PDB file of N, CA and C in Angstrom:
ATOM      1  N   HIS A   1     -37.806   7.373  59.651  1.00  0.00           N
ATOM      2  CA  HIS A   1     -38.701   6.437  59.686  1.00  0.00           C
ATOM      3  C   HIS A   1     -37.845   5.097  59.550  1.00  0.00           C
ATOM      4  N   ARG A   2     -38.155   4.210  60.572  1.00  0.00           N
ATOM      5  CA  ARG A   2     -37.473   2.874  60.190  1.00  0.00           C
ATOM      6  C   ARG A   2     -38.077   1.927  59.153  1.00  0.00           C
ATOM      7  N   ARG A   3     -36.590   1.324  58.726  1.00  0.00           N
ATOM      8  CA  ARG A   3     -36.652   0.266  57.675  1.00  0.00           C
ATOM      9  C   ARG A   3     -36.812  -1.252  57.970  1.00  0.00           C
ATOM     10  N   ASP A   4     -37.534  -1.870  57.728  1.00  0.00           N
ATOM     11  CA  ASP A   4     -37.834  -3.196  57.845  1.00  0.00           C
ATOM     12  C   ASP A   4     -36.193  -3.652  57.504  1.00  0.00           C
ATOM     13  N   PRO A   5     -35.303  -4.581  57.941  1.00  0.00           N
ATOM     14  CA  PRO A   5     -34.264  -4.783  57.678  1.00  0.00           C
ATOM     15  C   PRO A   5     -34.420  -5.972  56.498  1.00  0.00           C
ATOM     16  N   HIS A   6     -35.267  -6.748  56.402  1.00  0.00           N
ATOM     17  CA  HIS A   6     -36.074  -8.127  55.422  1.00  0.00           C
ATOM     18  C   HIS A   6     -36.291  -6.621  54.195  1.00  0.00           C
ATOM     19  N   ALA A   7     -36.452  -5.960  54.120  1.00  0.00           N
ATOM     20  CA  ALA A   7     -37.343  -4.967  53.333  1.00  0.00           C
ATOM     21  C   ALA A   7     -36.478  -5.037  51.931  1.00  0.00           C
ATOM     22  N   HIS A   8     -36.515  -5.389  50.635  1.00  0.00           N
ATOM     23  CA  HIS A   8     -35.558  -5.375  49.700  1.00  0.00           C
ATOM     24  C   HIS A   8     -36.399  -5.385  48.101  1.00  0.00           C
ATOM     25  N   ASP A   9     -35.740  -5.101  47.200  1.00  0.00           N
ATOM     26  CA  ASP A   9     -36.798  -5.086  46.042  1.00  0.00           C
ATOM     27  C   ASP A   9     -36.359  -6.261  45.448  1.00  0.00           C
ATOM     28  N   HIS A  10     -37.820  -6.881  44.364  1.00  0.00           N
ATOM     29  CA  HIS A  10     -37.723  -8.204  44.034  1.00  0.00           C
ATOM     30  C   HIS A  10     -37.508  -7.761  42.615  1.00  0.00           C
ATOM     31  N   GLY A  11     -37.227  -6.755  41.901  1.00  0.00           N
ATOM     32  CA  GLY A  11     -36.799  -6.260  40.305  1.00  0.00           C
ATOM     33  C   GLY A  11     -35.837  -7.487  39.937  1.00  0.00           C
ATOM     34  N   ALA A  12     -35.109  -8.012  40.398  1.00  0.00           N
ATOM     35  CA  ALA A  12     -34.059  -8.899  39.799  1.00  0.00           C
ATOM     36  C   ALA A  12     -34.566 -10.094  39.632  1.00  0.00           C
ATOM     37  N   LEU A  13     -35.759 -10.441  40.442  1.00  0.00           N
ATOM     38  CA  LEU A  13     -36.286 -11.899  40.417  1.00  0.00           C
ATOM     39  C   LEU A  13     -37.038 -11.988  39.304  1.00  0.00           C
ATOM     40  N   SER A  14     -37.938 -10.622  39.355  1.00  0.00           N
ATOM     41  CA  SER A  14     -38.949 -10.412  37.947  1.00  0.00           C
ATOM     42  C   SER A  14     -37.887 -10.448  36.808  1.00  0.00           C
ATOM     43  N   VAL A  15     -36.807  -9.730  36.509  1.00  0.00           N
ATOM     44  CA  VAL A  15     -36.194  -9.656  35.140  1.00  0.00           C
ATOM     45  C   VAL A  15     -35.774 -11.268  35.178  1.00  0.00           C
ATOM     46  N   GLY A  16     -35.242 -12.029  35.818  1.00  0.00           N
ATOM     47  CA  GLY A  16     -34.911 -13.448  35.673  1.00  0.00           C
ATOM     48  C   GLY A  16     -36.006 -14.067  35.367  1.00  0.00           C
ATOM     49  N   GLY A  17     -37.140 -13.998  35.875  1.00  0.00           N
ATOM     50  CA  GLY A  17     -38.104 -14.718  35.376  1.00  0.00           C
ATOM     51  C   GLY A  17     -38.767 -14.405  33.940  1.00  0.00           C
ATOM     52  N   LEU A  18     -38.625 -13.027  33.464  1.00  0.00           N
ATOM     53  CA  LEU A  18     -39.013 -12.987  32.212  1.00  0.00           C
ATOM     54  C   LEU A  18     -37.974 -13.582  31.520  1.00  0.00           C
ATOM     55  N   HIS A  19     -36.563 -13.073  31.818  1.00  0.00           N
ATOM     56  CA  HIS A  19     -35.646 -13.691  30.892  1.00  0.00           C
ATOM     57  C   HIS A  19     -35.820 -15.419  30.737  1.00  0.00           C
ATOM     58  N   GLY A  20     -36.398 -16.077  31.543  1.00  0.00           N
ATOM     59  CA  GLY A  20     -36.459 -17.435  31.440  1.00  0.00           C
ATOM     60  C   GLY A  20     -37.723 -17.640  30.612  1.00  0.00           C
ATOM     61  N   VAL A  21     -38.691 -17.025  30.889  1.00  0.00           N
ATOM     62  CA  VAL A  21     -39.657 -17.145  29.778  1.00  0.00           C
ATOM     63  C   VAL A  21     -39.444 -16.992  27.931  1.00  0.00           C
ATOM     64  N   ALA A  22     -38.577 -15.892  27.948  1.00  0.00           N
ATOM     65  CA  ALA A  22     -38.438 -15.375  27.029  1.00  0.00           C
ATOM     66  C   ALA A  22     -37.103 -16.303  26.226  1.00  0.00           C
ATOM     67  N   GLY A  23     -36.207 -16.846  27.117  1.00  0.00           N
ATOM     68  CA  GLY A  23     -35.133 -17.740  26.540  1.00  0.00           C
ATOM     69  C   GLY A  23     -35.259 -18.777  25.761  1.00  0.00           C
ATOM     70  N   THR A  24     -34.278 -19.631  25.846  1.00  0.00           N
ATOM     71  CA  THR A  24     -34.379 -20.808  25.003  1.00  0.00           C
ATOM     72  C   THR A  24     -34.643 -21.886  25.932  1.00  0.00           C
ATOM     73  N   ALA A  25     -34.777 -21.785  27.161  1.00  0.00           N
ATOM     74  CA  ALA A  25     -34.983 -23.102  28.032  1.00  0.00           C
ATOM     75  C   ALA A  25     -36.294 -23.616  27.774  1.00  0.00           C
ATOM     76  N   PRO A  26     -37.388 -22.767  27.240  1.00  0.00           N
ATOM     77  CA  PRO A  26     -38.674 -23.430  27.327  1.00  0.00           C
ATOM     78  C   PRO A  26     -38.878 -24.321  25.980  1.00  0.00           C
ATOM     79  N   VAL A  27     -37.852 -23.724  24.820  1.00  0.00           N
ATOM     80  CA  VAL A  27     -37.932 -24.579  23.607  1.00  0.00           C
ATOM     81  C   VAL A  27     -37.383 -25.848  23.913  1.00  0.00           C
ATOM     82  N   LEU A  28     -36.350 -25.925  24.621  1.00  0.00           N
ATOM     83  CA  LEU A  28     -35.434 -27.023  25.400  1.00  0.00           C
ATOM     84  C   LEU A  28     -36.567 -28.165  25.998  1.00  0.00           C
ATOM     85  N   ALA A  29     -37.460 -27.325  26.679  1.00  0.00           N
ATOM     86  CA  ALA A  29     -38.365 -28.487  27.513  1.00  0.00           C
ATOM     87  C   ALA A  29     -39.385 -28.787  26.938  1.00  0.00           C
ATOM     88  N   LEU A  30     -39.931 -27.842  25.610  1.00  0.00           N
ATOM     89  CA  LEU A  30     -41.089 -28.447  24.881  1.00  0.00           C
ATOM     90  C   LEU A  30     -40.629 -29.391  23.750  1.00  0.00           C
ATOM     91  N   ILE A  31     -39.206 -29.620  23.421  1.00  0.00           N
ATOM     92  CA  ILE A  31     -38.917 -30.753  22.178  1.00  0.00           C
ATOM     93  C   ILE A  31     -39.031 -31.788  22.686  1.00  0.00           C
ATOM     94  N   PRO A  32     -38.579 -32.454  24.104  1.00  0.00           N
ATOM     95  CA  PRO A  32     -39.135 -33.714  24.343  1.00  0.00           C
ATOM     96  C   PRO A  32     -40.349 -33.865  24.789  1.00  0.00           C
ATOM     97  N   ILE A  33     -40.967 -32.819  25.291  1.00  0.00           N
ATOM     98  CA  ILE A  33     -42.603 -32.949  25.330  1.00  0.00           C
ATOM     99  C   ILE A  33     -43.163 -33.320  24.179  1.00  0.00           C
ATOM    100  N   ALA A  34     -42.791 -33.119  23.107  1.00  0.00           N
ATOM    101  CA  ALA A  34     -43.622 -32.898  22.077  1.00  0.00           C
ATOM    102  C   ALA A  34     -43.187 -34.392  21.500  1.00  0.00           C
ATOM    103  N   LYS A  35     -42.190 -35.034  21.664  1.00  0.00           N
ATOM    104  CA  LYS A  35     -41.506 -36.586  21.232  1.00  0.00           C
ATOM    105  C   LYS A  35     -42.556 -37.533  22.428  1.00  0.00           C
ATOM    106  N   LEU A  36     -42.835 -36.914  23.550  1.00  0.00           N
ATOM    107  CA  LEU A  36     -43.538 -38.450  24.459  1.00  0.00           C
ATOM    108  C   LEU A  36     -44.718 -38.796  24.405  1.00  0.00           C
ATOM    109  N   GLY A  37     -45.410 -37.481  23.707  1.00  0.00           N
ATOM    110  CA  GLY A  37     -47.015 -37.794  23.157  1.00  0.00           C
ATOM    111  C   GLY A  37     -47.927 -38.226  24.442  1.00  0.00           C
ATOM    112  N   SER A  38     -47.608 -37.797  25.422  1.00  0.00           N
ATOM    113  CA  SER A  38     -48.397 -38.174  26.634  1.00  0.00           C
ATOM    114  C   SER A  38     -48.082 -36.919  27.737  1.00  0.00           C
ATOM    115  N   VAL A  39     -49.752 -36.379  28.070  1.00  0.00           N
ATOM    116  CA  VAL A  39     -49.687 -35.053  28.958  1.00  0.00           C
ATOM    117  C   VAL A  39     -49.288 -35.825  30.396  1.00  0.00           C
ATOM    118  N   GLY A  40     -49.643 -37.157  30.578  1.00  0.00           N
ATOM    119  CA  GLY A  40     -49.033 -37.496  31.872  1.00  0.00           C
ATOM    120  C   GLY A  40     -47.580 -37.412  32.438  1.00  0.00           C
ATOM    121  N   LEU A  41     -47.189 -37.689  30.968  1.00  0.00           N
ATOM    122  CA  LEU A  41     -45.563 -37.922  31.090  1.00  0.00           C
ATOM    123  C   LEU A  41     -44.915 -36.391  31.095  1.00  0.00           C
ATOM    124  N   GLY A  42     -45.668 -35.558  30.068  1.00  0.00           N
ATOM    125  CA  GLY A  42     -44.996 -34.528  29.929  1.00  0.00           C
ATOM    126  C   GLY A  42     -44.982 -33.439  30.773  1.00  0.00           C
ATOM    127  N   ILE A  43     -46.196 -33.518  31.905  1.00  0.00           N
ATOM    128  CA  ILE A  43     -46.445 -32.633  33.001  1.00  0.00           C
ATOM    129  C   ILE A  43     -45.161 -32.614  34.207  1.00  0.00           C
ATOM    130  N   PRO A  44     -45.219 -33.975  34.314  1.00  0.00           N
ATOM    131  CA  PRO A  44     -43.932 -34.288  35.648  1.00  0.00           C
ATOM    132  C   PRO A  44     -42.495 -33.981  34.821  1.00  0.00           C
ATOM    133  N   TYR A  45     -42.622 -34.283  33.422  1.00  0.00           N
ATOM    134  CA  TYR A  45     -40.835 -33.712  32.890  1.00  0.00           C
ATOM    135  C   TYR A  45     -40.881 -32.216  32.702  1.00  0.00           C
ATOM    136  N   LEU A  46     -42.118 -31.452  32.686  1.00  0.00           N
ATOM    137  CA  LEU A  46     -41.801 -30.160  32.705  1.00  0.00           C
ATOM    138  C   LEU A  46     -41.461 -29.459  33.739  1.00  0.00           C
ATOM    139  N   LEU A  47     -42.240 -29.996  34.957  1.00  0.00           N
ATOM    140  CA  LEU A  47     -42.358 -29.401  36.259  1.00  0.00           C
ATOM    141  C   LEU A  47     -40.797 -29.707  36.689  1.00  0.00           C
ATOM    142  N   LEU A  48     -40.093 -30.869  36.594  1.00  0.00           N
ATOM    143  CA  LEU A  48     -38.954 -31.109  36.766  1.00  0.00           C
ATOM    144  C   LEU A  48     -37.828 -30.415  36.327  1.00  0.00           C
ATOM    145  N   PHE A  49     -38.035 -30.062  34.601  1.00  0.00           N
ATOM    146  CA  PHE A  49     -36.838 -29.434  34.089  1.00  0.00           C
ATOM    147  C   PHE A  49     -37.254 -28.005  34.635  1.00  0.00           C
ATOM    148  N   SER A  50     -38.281 -27.618  35.022  1.00  0.00           N
ATOM    149  CA  SER A  50     -38.030 -26.073  35.776  1.00  0.00           C
ATOM    150  C   SER A  50     -37.291 -25.826  36.483  1.00  0.00           C
ATOM    151  N   LEU A  51     -38.087 -27.138  38.086  1.00  0.00           N
ATOM    152  CA  LEU A  51     -37.433 -27.212  39.020  1.00  0.00           C
ATOM    153  C   LEU A  51     -35.521 -27.423  38.724  1.00  0.00           C
ATOM    154  N   GLY A  52     -34.926 -27.922  38.044  1.00  0.00           N
ATOM    155  CA  GLY A  52     -33.813 -27.877  37.499  1.00  0.00           C
ATOM    156  C   GLY A  52     -33.082 -26.463  37.135  1.00  0.00           C
ATOM    157  N   VAL A  53     -33.983 -25.713  36.461  1.00  0.00           N
ATOM    158  CA  VAL A  53     -33.591 -24.340  35.627  1.00  0.00           C
ATOM    159  C   VAL A  53     -33.536 -23.869  36.708  1.00  0.00           C
ATOM    160  N   LEU A  54     -34.392 -23.519  37.635  1.00  0.00           N
ATOM    161  CA  LEU A  54     -34.852 -22.697  38.614  1.00  0.00           C
ATOM    162  C   LEU A  54     -33.574 -22.987  39.665  1.00  0.00           C
ATOM    163  N   PHE A  55     -33.526 -24.058  40.341  1.00  0.00           N
ATOM    164  CA  PHE A  55     -31.948 -24.801  41.366  1.00  0.00           C
ATOM    165  C   PHE A  55     -30.901 -24.317  40.670  1.00  0.00           C
ATOM    166  N   THR A  56     -30.717 -24.246  39.311  1.00  0.00           N
ATOM    167  CA  THR A  56     -29.166 -23.891  38.763  1.00  0.00           C
ATOM    168  C   THR A  56     -28.613 -22.190  38.570  1.00  0.00           C
ATOM    169  N   MET A  57     -30.107 -21.607  38.264  1.00  0.00           N
ATOM    170  CA  MET A  57     -29.953 -20.168  38.617  1.00  0.00           C
ATOM    171  C   MET A  57     -29.977 -19.648  39.843  1.00  0.00           C
ATOM    172  N   LEU A  58     -30.505 -20.366  40.738  1.00  0.00           N
ATOM    173  CA  LEU A  58     -30.311 -19.731  42.069  1.00  0.00           C
ATOM    174  C   LEU A  58     -28.396 -20.104  42.746  1.00  0.00           C
ATOM    175  N   LEU A  59     -28.385 -21.097  42.420  1.00  0.00           N
ATOM    176  CA  LEU A  59     -27.253 -21.572  42.398  1.00  0.00           C
ATOM    177  C   LEU A  59     -25.608 -20.762  41.734  1.00  0.00           C
ATOM    178  N   PHE A  60     -26.177 -20.483  40.591  1.00  0.00           N
ATOM    179  CA  PHE A  60     -25.115 -19.497  40.263  1.00  0.00           C
ATOM    180  C   PHE A  60     -25.081 -18.240  40.421  1.00  0.00           C
ATOM    181  N   GLY A  61     -26.669 -17.828  40.872  1.00  0.00           N
ATOM    182  CA  GLY A  61     -26.757 -16.205  41.429  1.00  0.00           C
ATOM    183  C   GLY A  61     -26.018 -16.544  42.754  1.00  0.00           C
ATOM    184  N   CYS A  62     -25.754 -17.227  43.802  1.00  0.00           N
ATOM    185  CA  CYS A  62     -25.630 -17.401  45.116  1.00  0.00           C
ATOM    186  C   CYS A  62     -24.155 -17.406  45.075  1.00  0.00           C
ATOM    187  N   LEU A  63     -23.372 -18.185  43.860  1.00  0.00           N
ATOM    188  CA  LEU A  63     -22.033 -18.231  43.991  1.00  0.00           C
ATOM    189  C   LEU A  63     -21.429 -17.344  43.178  1.00  0.00           C
ATOM    190  N   LEU A  64     -22.353 -16.115  42.183  1.00  0.00           N
ATOM    191  CA  LEU A  64     -21.868 -14.783  41.762  1.00  0.00           C
ATOM    192  C   LEU A  64     -21.767 -13.893  42.812  1.00  0.00           C
ATOM    193  N   GLY A  65     -22.692 -13.949  43.649  1.00  0.00           N
ATOM    194  CA  GLY A  65     -22.929 -12.845  44.809  1.00  0.00           C
ATOM    195  C   GLY A  65     -22.196 -13.126  45.882  1.00  0.00           C
ATOM    196  N   GLN A  66     -21.571 -14.422  45.848  1.00  0.00           N
ATOM    197  CA  GLN A  66     -20.591 -14.497  47.089  1.00  0.00           C
ATOM    198  C   GLN A  66     -19.553 -14.186  46.417  1.00  0.00           C
ATOM    199  N   LEU A  67     -18.811 -14.436  45.294  1.00  0.00           N
ATOM    200  CA  LEU A  67     -17.785 -13.874  44.865  1.00  0.00           C
ATOM    201  C   LEU A  67     -17.702 -12.656  44.779  1.00  0.00           C
ATOM    202  N   MET A  68     -18.813 -11.765  44.293  1.00  0.00           N
ATOM    203  CA  MET A  68     -18.688 -10.030  44.156  1.00  0.00           C
ATOM    204  C   MET A  68     -18.687  -9.515  45.698  1.00  0.00           C
ATOM    205  N   ALA A  69     -18.987 -10.277  46.630  1.00  0.00           N
ATOM    206  CA  ALA A  69     -18.993 -10.185  48.109  1.00  0.00           C
ATOM    207  C   ALA A  69     -17.367  -9.982  48.552  1.00  0.00           C
ATOM    208  N   ARG A  70     -16.730 -11.067  48.044  1.00  0.00           N
ATOM    209  CA  ARG A  70     -15.356 -11.210  48.393  1.00  0.00           C
ATOM    210  C   ARG A  70     -14.599 -10.387  47.607  1.00  0.00           C
ATOM    211  N   LEU A  71     -14.896 -10.036  46.535  1.00  0.00           N
ATOM    212  CA  LEU A  71     -14.068  -8.929  45.658  1.00  0.00           C
ATOM    213  C   LEU A  71     -14.092  -7.353  46.069  1.00  0.00           C
ATOM    214  N   THR A  72     -15.264  -7.209  46.803  1.00  0.00           N
ATOM    215  CA  THR A  72     -15.351  -5.748  47.281  1.00  0.00           C
ATOM    216  C   THR A  72     -14.546  -5.651  48.166  1.00  0.00           C
ATOM    217  N   ARG A  73     -13.636  -6.372  48.997  1.00  0.00           N
ATOM    218  CA  ARG A  73     -12.481  -5.992  49.630  1.00  0.00           C
ATOM    219  C   ARG A  73     -11.372  -5.128  48.927  1.00  0.00           C
ATOM    220  N   PHE A  74     -11.398  -5.150  47.811  1.00  0.00           N
ATOM    221  CA  PHE A  74     -10.442  -4.526  46.832  1.00  0.00           C
ATOM    222  C   PHE A  74     -10.847  -3.179  46.728  1.00  0.00           C
ATOM    223  N   GLY A  75     -12.311  -2.934  46.884  1.00  0.00           N
ATOM    224  CA  GLY A  75     -12.739  -1.713  46.559  1.00  0.00           C
ATOM    225  C   GLY A  75     -13.507  -1.388  45.393  1.00  0.00           C
ATOM    226  N   ALA A  76     -14.071  -0.419  45.544  1.00  0.00           N
ATOM    227  CA  ALA A  76     -15.256  -0.172  44.290  1.00  0.00           C
ATOM    228  C   ALA A  76     -14.690   0.276  42.918  1.00  0.00           C
ATOM    229  N   VAL A  77     -13.794   0.753  43.127  1.00  0.00           N
ATOM    230  CA  VAL A  77     -12.917   0.794  41.616  1.00  0.00           C
ATOM    231  C   VAL A  77     -12.750  -0.643  40.626  1.00  0.00           C
ATOM    232  N   PHE A  78     -12.159  -1.594  41.754  1.00  0.00           N
ATOM    233  CA  PHE A  78     -11.883  -2.937  40.940  1.00  0.00           C
ATOM    234  C   PHE A  78     -12.929  -3.541  40.922  1.00  0.00           C
ATOM    235  N   ILE A  79     -14.461  -3.519  41.597  1.00  0.00           N
ATOM    236  CA  ILE A  79     -15.734  -4.227  41.196  1.00  0.00           C
ATOM    237  C   ILE A  79     -16.156  -3.243  39.932  1.00  0.00           C
ATOM    238  N   ALA A  80     -16.083  -1.793  39.863  1.00  0.00           N
ATOM    239  CA  ALA A  80     -16.644  -1.191  38.899  1.00  0.00           C
ATOM    240  C   ALA A  80     -15.718  -1.560  37.662  1.00  0.00           C
ATOM    241  N   SER A  81     -14.440  -1.959  37.561  1.00  0.00           N
ATOM    242  CA  SER A  81     -13.741  -2.513  36.172  1.00  0.00           C
ATOM    243  C   SER A  81     -14.026  -3.788  36.229  1.00  0.00           C
ATOM    244  N   ILE A  82     -14.244  -4.744  36.831  1.00  0.00           N
ATOM    245  CA  ILE A  82     -14.810  -5.985  36.647  1.00  0.00           C
ATOM    246  C   ILE A  82     -16.098  -5.910  35.919  1.00  0.00           C
ATOM    247  N   ARG A  83     -17.266  -5.253  36.538  1.00  0.00           N
ATOM    248  CA  ARG A  83     -18.169  -4.684  35.816  1.00  0.00           C
ATOM    249  C   ARG A  83     -18.610  -4.287  34.345  1.00  0.00           C
ATOM    250  N   SER A  84     -17.671  -3.994  34.272  1.00  0.00           N
ATOM    251  CA  SER A  84     -17.269  -2.808  32.668  1.00  0.00           C
ATOM    252  C   SER A  84     -16.609  -3.805  32.035  1.00  0.00           C
ATOM    253  N   THR A  85     -16.020  -4.654  32.232  1.00  0.00           N
ATOM    254  CA  THR A  85     -15.193  -5.579  31.204  1.00  0.00           C
ATOM    255  C   THR A  85     -16.103  -6.601  30.995  1.00  0.00           C
ATOM    256  N   VAL A  86     -17.083  -6.994  31.843  1.00  0.00           N
ATOM    257  CA  VAL A  86     -18.218  -7.905  31.434  1.00  0.00           C
ATOM    258  C   VAL A  86     -18.886  -7.455  30.661  1.00  0.00           C
ATOM    259  N   ALA A  87     -19.399  -6.100  31.074  1.00  0.00           N
ATOM    260  CA  ALA A  87     -20.548  -5.315  29.766  1.00  0.00           C
ATOM    261  C   ALA A  87     -19.651  -4.926  28.825  1.00  0.00           C
ATOM    262  N   LEU A  88     -18.604  -4.482  28.541  1.00  0.00           N
ATOM    263  CA  LEU A  88     -18.014  -4.731  27.078  1.00  0.00           C
ATOM    264  C   LEU A  88     -17.966  -5.789  26.210  1.00  0.00           C
ATOM    265  N   GLY A  89     -17.504  -7.119  27.048  1.00  0.00           N
ATOM    266  CA  GLY A  89     -17.164  -8.300  26.601  1.00  0.00           C
ATOM    267  C   GLY A  89     -18.889  -8.488  26.031  1.00  0.00           C
ATOM    268  N   SER A  90     -20.012  -8.564  26.650  1.00  0.00           N
ATOM    269  CA  SER A  90     -21.019  -8.885  26.408  1.00  0.00           C
ATOM    270  C   SER A  90     -21.371  -8.135  24.954  1.00  0.00           C
ATOM    271  N   ILE A  91     -21.347  -6.567  25.372  1.00  0.00           N
ATOM    272  CA  ILE A  91     -21.302  -5.958  23.875  1.00  0.00           C
ATOM    273  C   ILE A  91     -20.534  -6.512  22.821  1.00  0.00           C
ATOM    274  N   GLY A  92     -19.371  -6.683  23.018  1.00  0.00           N
ATOM    275  CA  GLY A  92     -18.411  -7.125  21.852  1.00  0.00           C
ATOM    276  C   GLY A  92     -18.979  -8.713  21.571  1.00  0.00           C
ATOM    277  N   LEU A  93     -19.580  -9.813  22.564  1.00  0.00           N
ATOM    278  CA  LEU A  93     -20.190 -10.784  22.035  1.00  0.00           C
ATOM    279  C   LEU A  93     -21.198 -10.653  20.969  1.00  0.00           C
ATOM    280  N   GLY A  94     -22.176  -9.794  21.537  1.00  0.00           N
ATOM    281  CA  GLY A  94     -23.600  -9.460  20.611  1.00  0.00           C
ATOM    282  C   GLY A  94     -23.293  -9.065  19.537  1.00  0.00           C
ATOM    283  N   THR A  95     -22.633  -8.389  19.602  1.00  0.00           N
ATOM    284  CA  THR A  95     -22.005  -7.595  18.020  1.00  0.00           C
ATOM    285  C   THR A  95     -21.456  -8.414  17.413  1.00  0.00           C
ATOM    286  N   HIS A  96     -20.613  -9.140  17.442  1.00  0.00           N
ATOM    287  CA  HIS A  96     -20.198 -10.190  16.715  1.00  0.00           C
ATOM    288  C   HIS A  96     -21.264 -11.205  16.249  1.00  0.00           C
ATOM    289  N   MET A  97     -22.002 -11.289  17.286  1.00  0.00           N
ATOM    290  CA  MET A  97     -23.255 -12.419  16.683  1.00  0.00           C
ATOM    291  C   MET A  97     -24.155 -11.932  15.761  1.00  0.00           C
ATOM    292  N   LEU A  98     -24.603 -10.439  15.910  1.00  0.00           N
ATOM    293  CA  LEU A  98     -25.075 -10.090  15.046  1.00  0.00           C
ATOM    294  C   LEU A  98     -24.627  -9.589  13.637  1.00  0.00           C
ATOM    295  N   PHE A  99     -23.407  -9.303  13.770  1.00  0.00           N
ATOM    296  CA  PHE A  99     -23.080  -8.936  12.323  1.00  0.00           C
ATOM    297  C   PHE A  99     -21.563  -9.868  11.956  1.00  0.00           C
ATOM    298  N   GLY A 100     -20.872 -10.542  12.561  1.00  0.00           N
ATOM    299  CA  GLY A 100     -19.593 -11.171  12.499  1.00  0.00           C
ATOM    300  C   GLY A 100     -19.798 -12.277  11.500  1.00  0.00           C
ATOM    301  N   GLY A 101     -21.212 -12.803  11.653  1.00  0.00           N
ATOM    302  CA  GLY A 101     -20.928 -14.271  10.688  1.00  0.00           C
ATOM    303  C   GLY A 101     -21.664 -15.332  11.011  1.00  0.00           C
TER     304      GLY A 101
END
């Protein structure tokens, strides 16, 4: 079978959207809206906030993707060690936040 060269999985986009909804950004957006007291000002603020978060996440993803693409020239073992280091750091930070104080 021939594969469409544009075909790709949108799983990462779905996971990113779920994290955005579940994260603290919505709370940070809603606090100023509550202080505004006006729906006419709140909706444009929320739209601009959402666009800013979307653009920032897109930029971060592109930059991280470019970095990983450049690092692939060092080999798969190097990339695997970077991913493992980041994963262990995340686990360590999460453990510290939960139990460390």
